[in-house]
Amino acid sequence: MKVYRDHNIPIEVTLSETFAILLPSIPSAGFEWKADYDIDIIEQIGEQEVTSLSQAIGGEVETKFKFRAKQLGETKIKMKYQRIWETHPFKEKDFTVRARIPKTC
């Protein structure tokens, strides 16, 4: 599974291929990432916290979001970083996803 961190680099996948977006967060401060995407083209298949980035209790972690390309086309996954009780995101990252037909030999 390909893993992406940089929202400036397009995500190139084939139809039905899974991929992940890995982002740092501080859940102990109430911050978390939420994904907004076109459910006709992309399917979220999982989310899990992975590596702790800090030795301190309540420190930064990386959260992995897993997706699958359901349809051909280009779309965006808008990742919003905010506290659950706030209405406006602290920051946003837009990932461009291009789902294409697998190449044949």
Protein backbone atom coordinates (compact mmCIF):
# COMPACT_ATOMS: atom_id res chain seq x y z
CA MET A 1 0.00 0.00 0.00
CA LYS A 2 1.35 3.39 -0.99
CA VAL A 3 1.51 5.98 1.81
CA TYR A 4 1.26 9.74 1.18
CA ARG A 5 2.17 12.59 3.51
CA ASP A 6 2.67 15.54 1.15
CA HIS A 7 -0.56 17.10 -0.13
CA ASN A 8 1.39 18.86 -2.90
CA ILE A 9 2.12 15.55 -4.68
CA PRO A 10 -0.84 13.99 -6.55
CA ILE A 11 -1.90 10.50 -5.51
CA GLU A 12 -1.79 8.25 -8.58
CA VAL A 13 -3.61 4.93 -8.10
CA THR A 14 -5.27 2.28 -10.21
CA LEU A 15 -8.90 1.29 -9.93
CA SER A 16 -9.51 -0.69 -6.69
CA GLU A 17 -6.02 0.08 -5.38
CA THR A 18 -5.72 0.98 -1.70
CA PHE A 19 -3.59 3.84 -0.42
CA ALA A 20 -3.07 5.71 2.83
CA ILE A 21 -2.66 9.30 3.96
CA LEU A 22 -0.49 9.74 7.04
CA LEU A 23 -0.79 12.97 9.04
CA PRO A 24 0.58 14.19 12.39
CA SER A 25 -1.90 15.12 15.11
CA ILE A 26 -2.20 15.81 18.82
CA PRO A 27 -5.38 14.02 19.94
CA SER A 28 -4.74 14.74 23.63
CA ALA A 29 -5.26 18.47 22.85
CA GLY A 30 -8.58 17.69 21.18
CA PHE A 31 -7.27 17.96 17.62
CA GLU A 32 -8.07 15.34 15.01
CA TRP A 33 -8.16 15.00 11.23
CA LYS A 34 -11.42 14.43 9.37
CA ALA A 35 -11.63 13.42 5.73
CA ASP A 36 -14.10 14.94 3.26
CA TYR A 37 -14.22 13.25 -0.15
CA ASP A 38 -16.45 12.15 -3.04
CA ILE A 39 -17.94 8.82 -1.91
CA ASP A 40 -18.67 7.87 -5.52
CA ILE A 41 -14.94 7.80 -6.38
CA ILE A 42 -13.17 7.13 -3.05
CA GLU A 43 -14.00 4.80 -0.18
CA GLN A 44 -12.44 5.15 3.28
CA ILE A 45 -11.55 1.69 4.53
CA GLY A 46 -9.91 2.48 7.83
CA GLU A 47 -8.29 4.89 10.24
CA GLN A 48 -5.82 4.12 12.94
CA GLU A 49 -3.25 5.91 15.04
CA VAL A 50 0.19 4.67 14.28
CA THR A 51 3.61 5.85 15.39
CA SER A 52 4.06 8.15 18.35
CA LEU A 53 6.27 11.06 17.28
CA SER A 54 7.07 12.19 20.81
CA GLN A 55 8.27 10.47 23.97
CA ALA A 56 6.10 12.84 26.04
CA ILE A 57 2.72 11.68 27.28
CA GLY A 58 0.04 13.35 25.18
CA GLY A 59 2.54 14.15 22.45
CA GLU A 60 2.19 14.11 18.71
CA VAL A 61 1.15 10.95 16.86
CA GLU A 62 0.67 10.08 13.20
CA THR A 63 -2.81 9.03 12.09
CA LYS A 64 -3.21 6.80 9.05
CA PHE A 65 -6.32 7.08 6.86
CA LYS A 66 -6.82 4.19 4.42
CA PHE A 67 -8.76 4.62 1.17
CA ARG A 68 -9.65 2.66 -1.95
CA ALA A 69 -10.32 3.99 -5.46
CA LYS A 70 -13.87 2.90 -6.43
CA GLN A 71 -14.25 4.72 -9.75
CA LEU A 72 -12.02 6.16 -12.43
CA GLY A 73 -11.40 9.88 -12.37
CA GLU A 74 -9.82 12.74 -10.48
CA THR A 75 -11.04 14.03 -7.16
CA LYS A 76 -9.85 15.69 -3.96
CA ILE A 77 -9.66 14.45 -0.41
CA LYS A 78 -9.95 17.45 1.88
CA MET A 79 -8.35 16.74 5.24
CA LYS A 80 -9.54 19.08 8.00
CA TYR A 81 -7.64 19.39 11.28
CA GLN A 82 -9.80 20.71 14.09
CA ARG A 83 -11.18 20.19 17.55
CA ILE A 84 -14.46 18.30 17.52
CA TRP A 85 -16.30 21.11 19.32
CA GLU A 86 -15.14 23.83 16.90
CA THR A 87 -16.84 24.65 13.61
CA HIS A 88 -13.83 25.90 11.64
CA PRO A 89 -10.71 23.85 10.94
CA PHE A 90 -7.37 24.90 12.38
CA LYS A 91 -5.80 23.84 9.07
CA GLU A 92 -6.72 22.01 5.87
CA LYS A 93 -4.82 19.91 3.34
CA ASP A 94 -6.23 18.99 -0.07
CA PHE A 95 -4.91 15.77 -1.62
CA THR A 96 -5.54 15.26 -5.35
CA VAL A 97 -6.36 11.65 -6.25
CA ARG A 98 -6.21 10.33 -9.82
CA ALA A 99 -7.67 6.86 -10.30
CA ARG A 100 -6.84 5.24 -13.62
CA ILE A 101 -7.13 1.89 -15.38
CA PRO A 102 -4.27 -0.50 -14.58
CA LYS A 103 -1.63 -0.73 -17.30
CA THR A 104 -1.41 -4.03 -19.15
CA CYS A 105 1.76 -5.50 -20.62
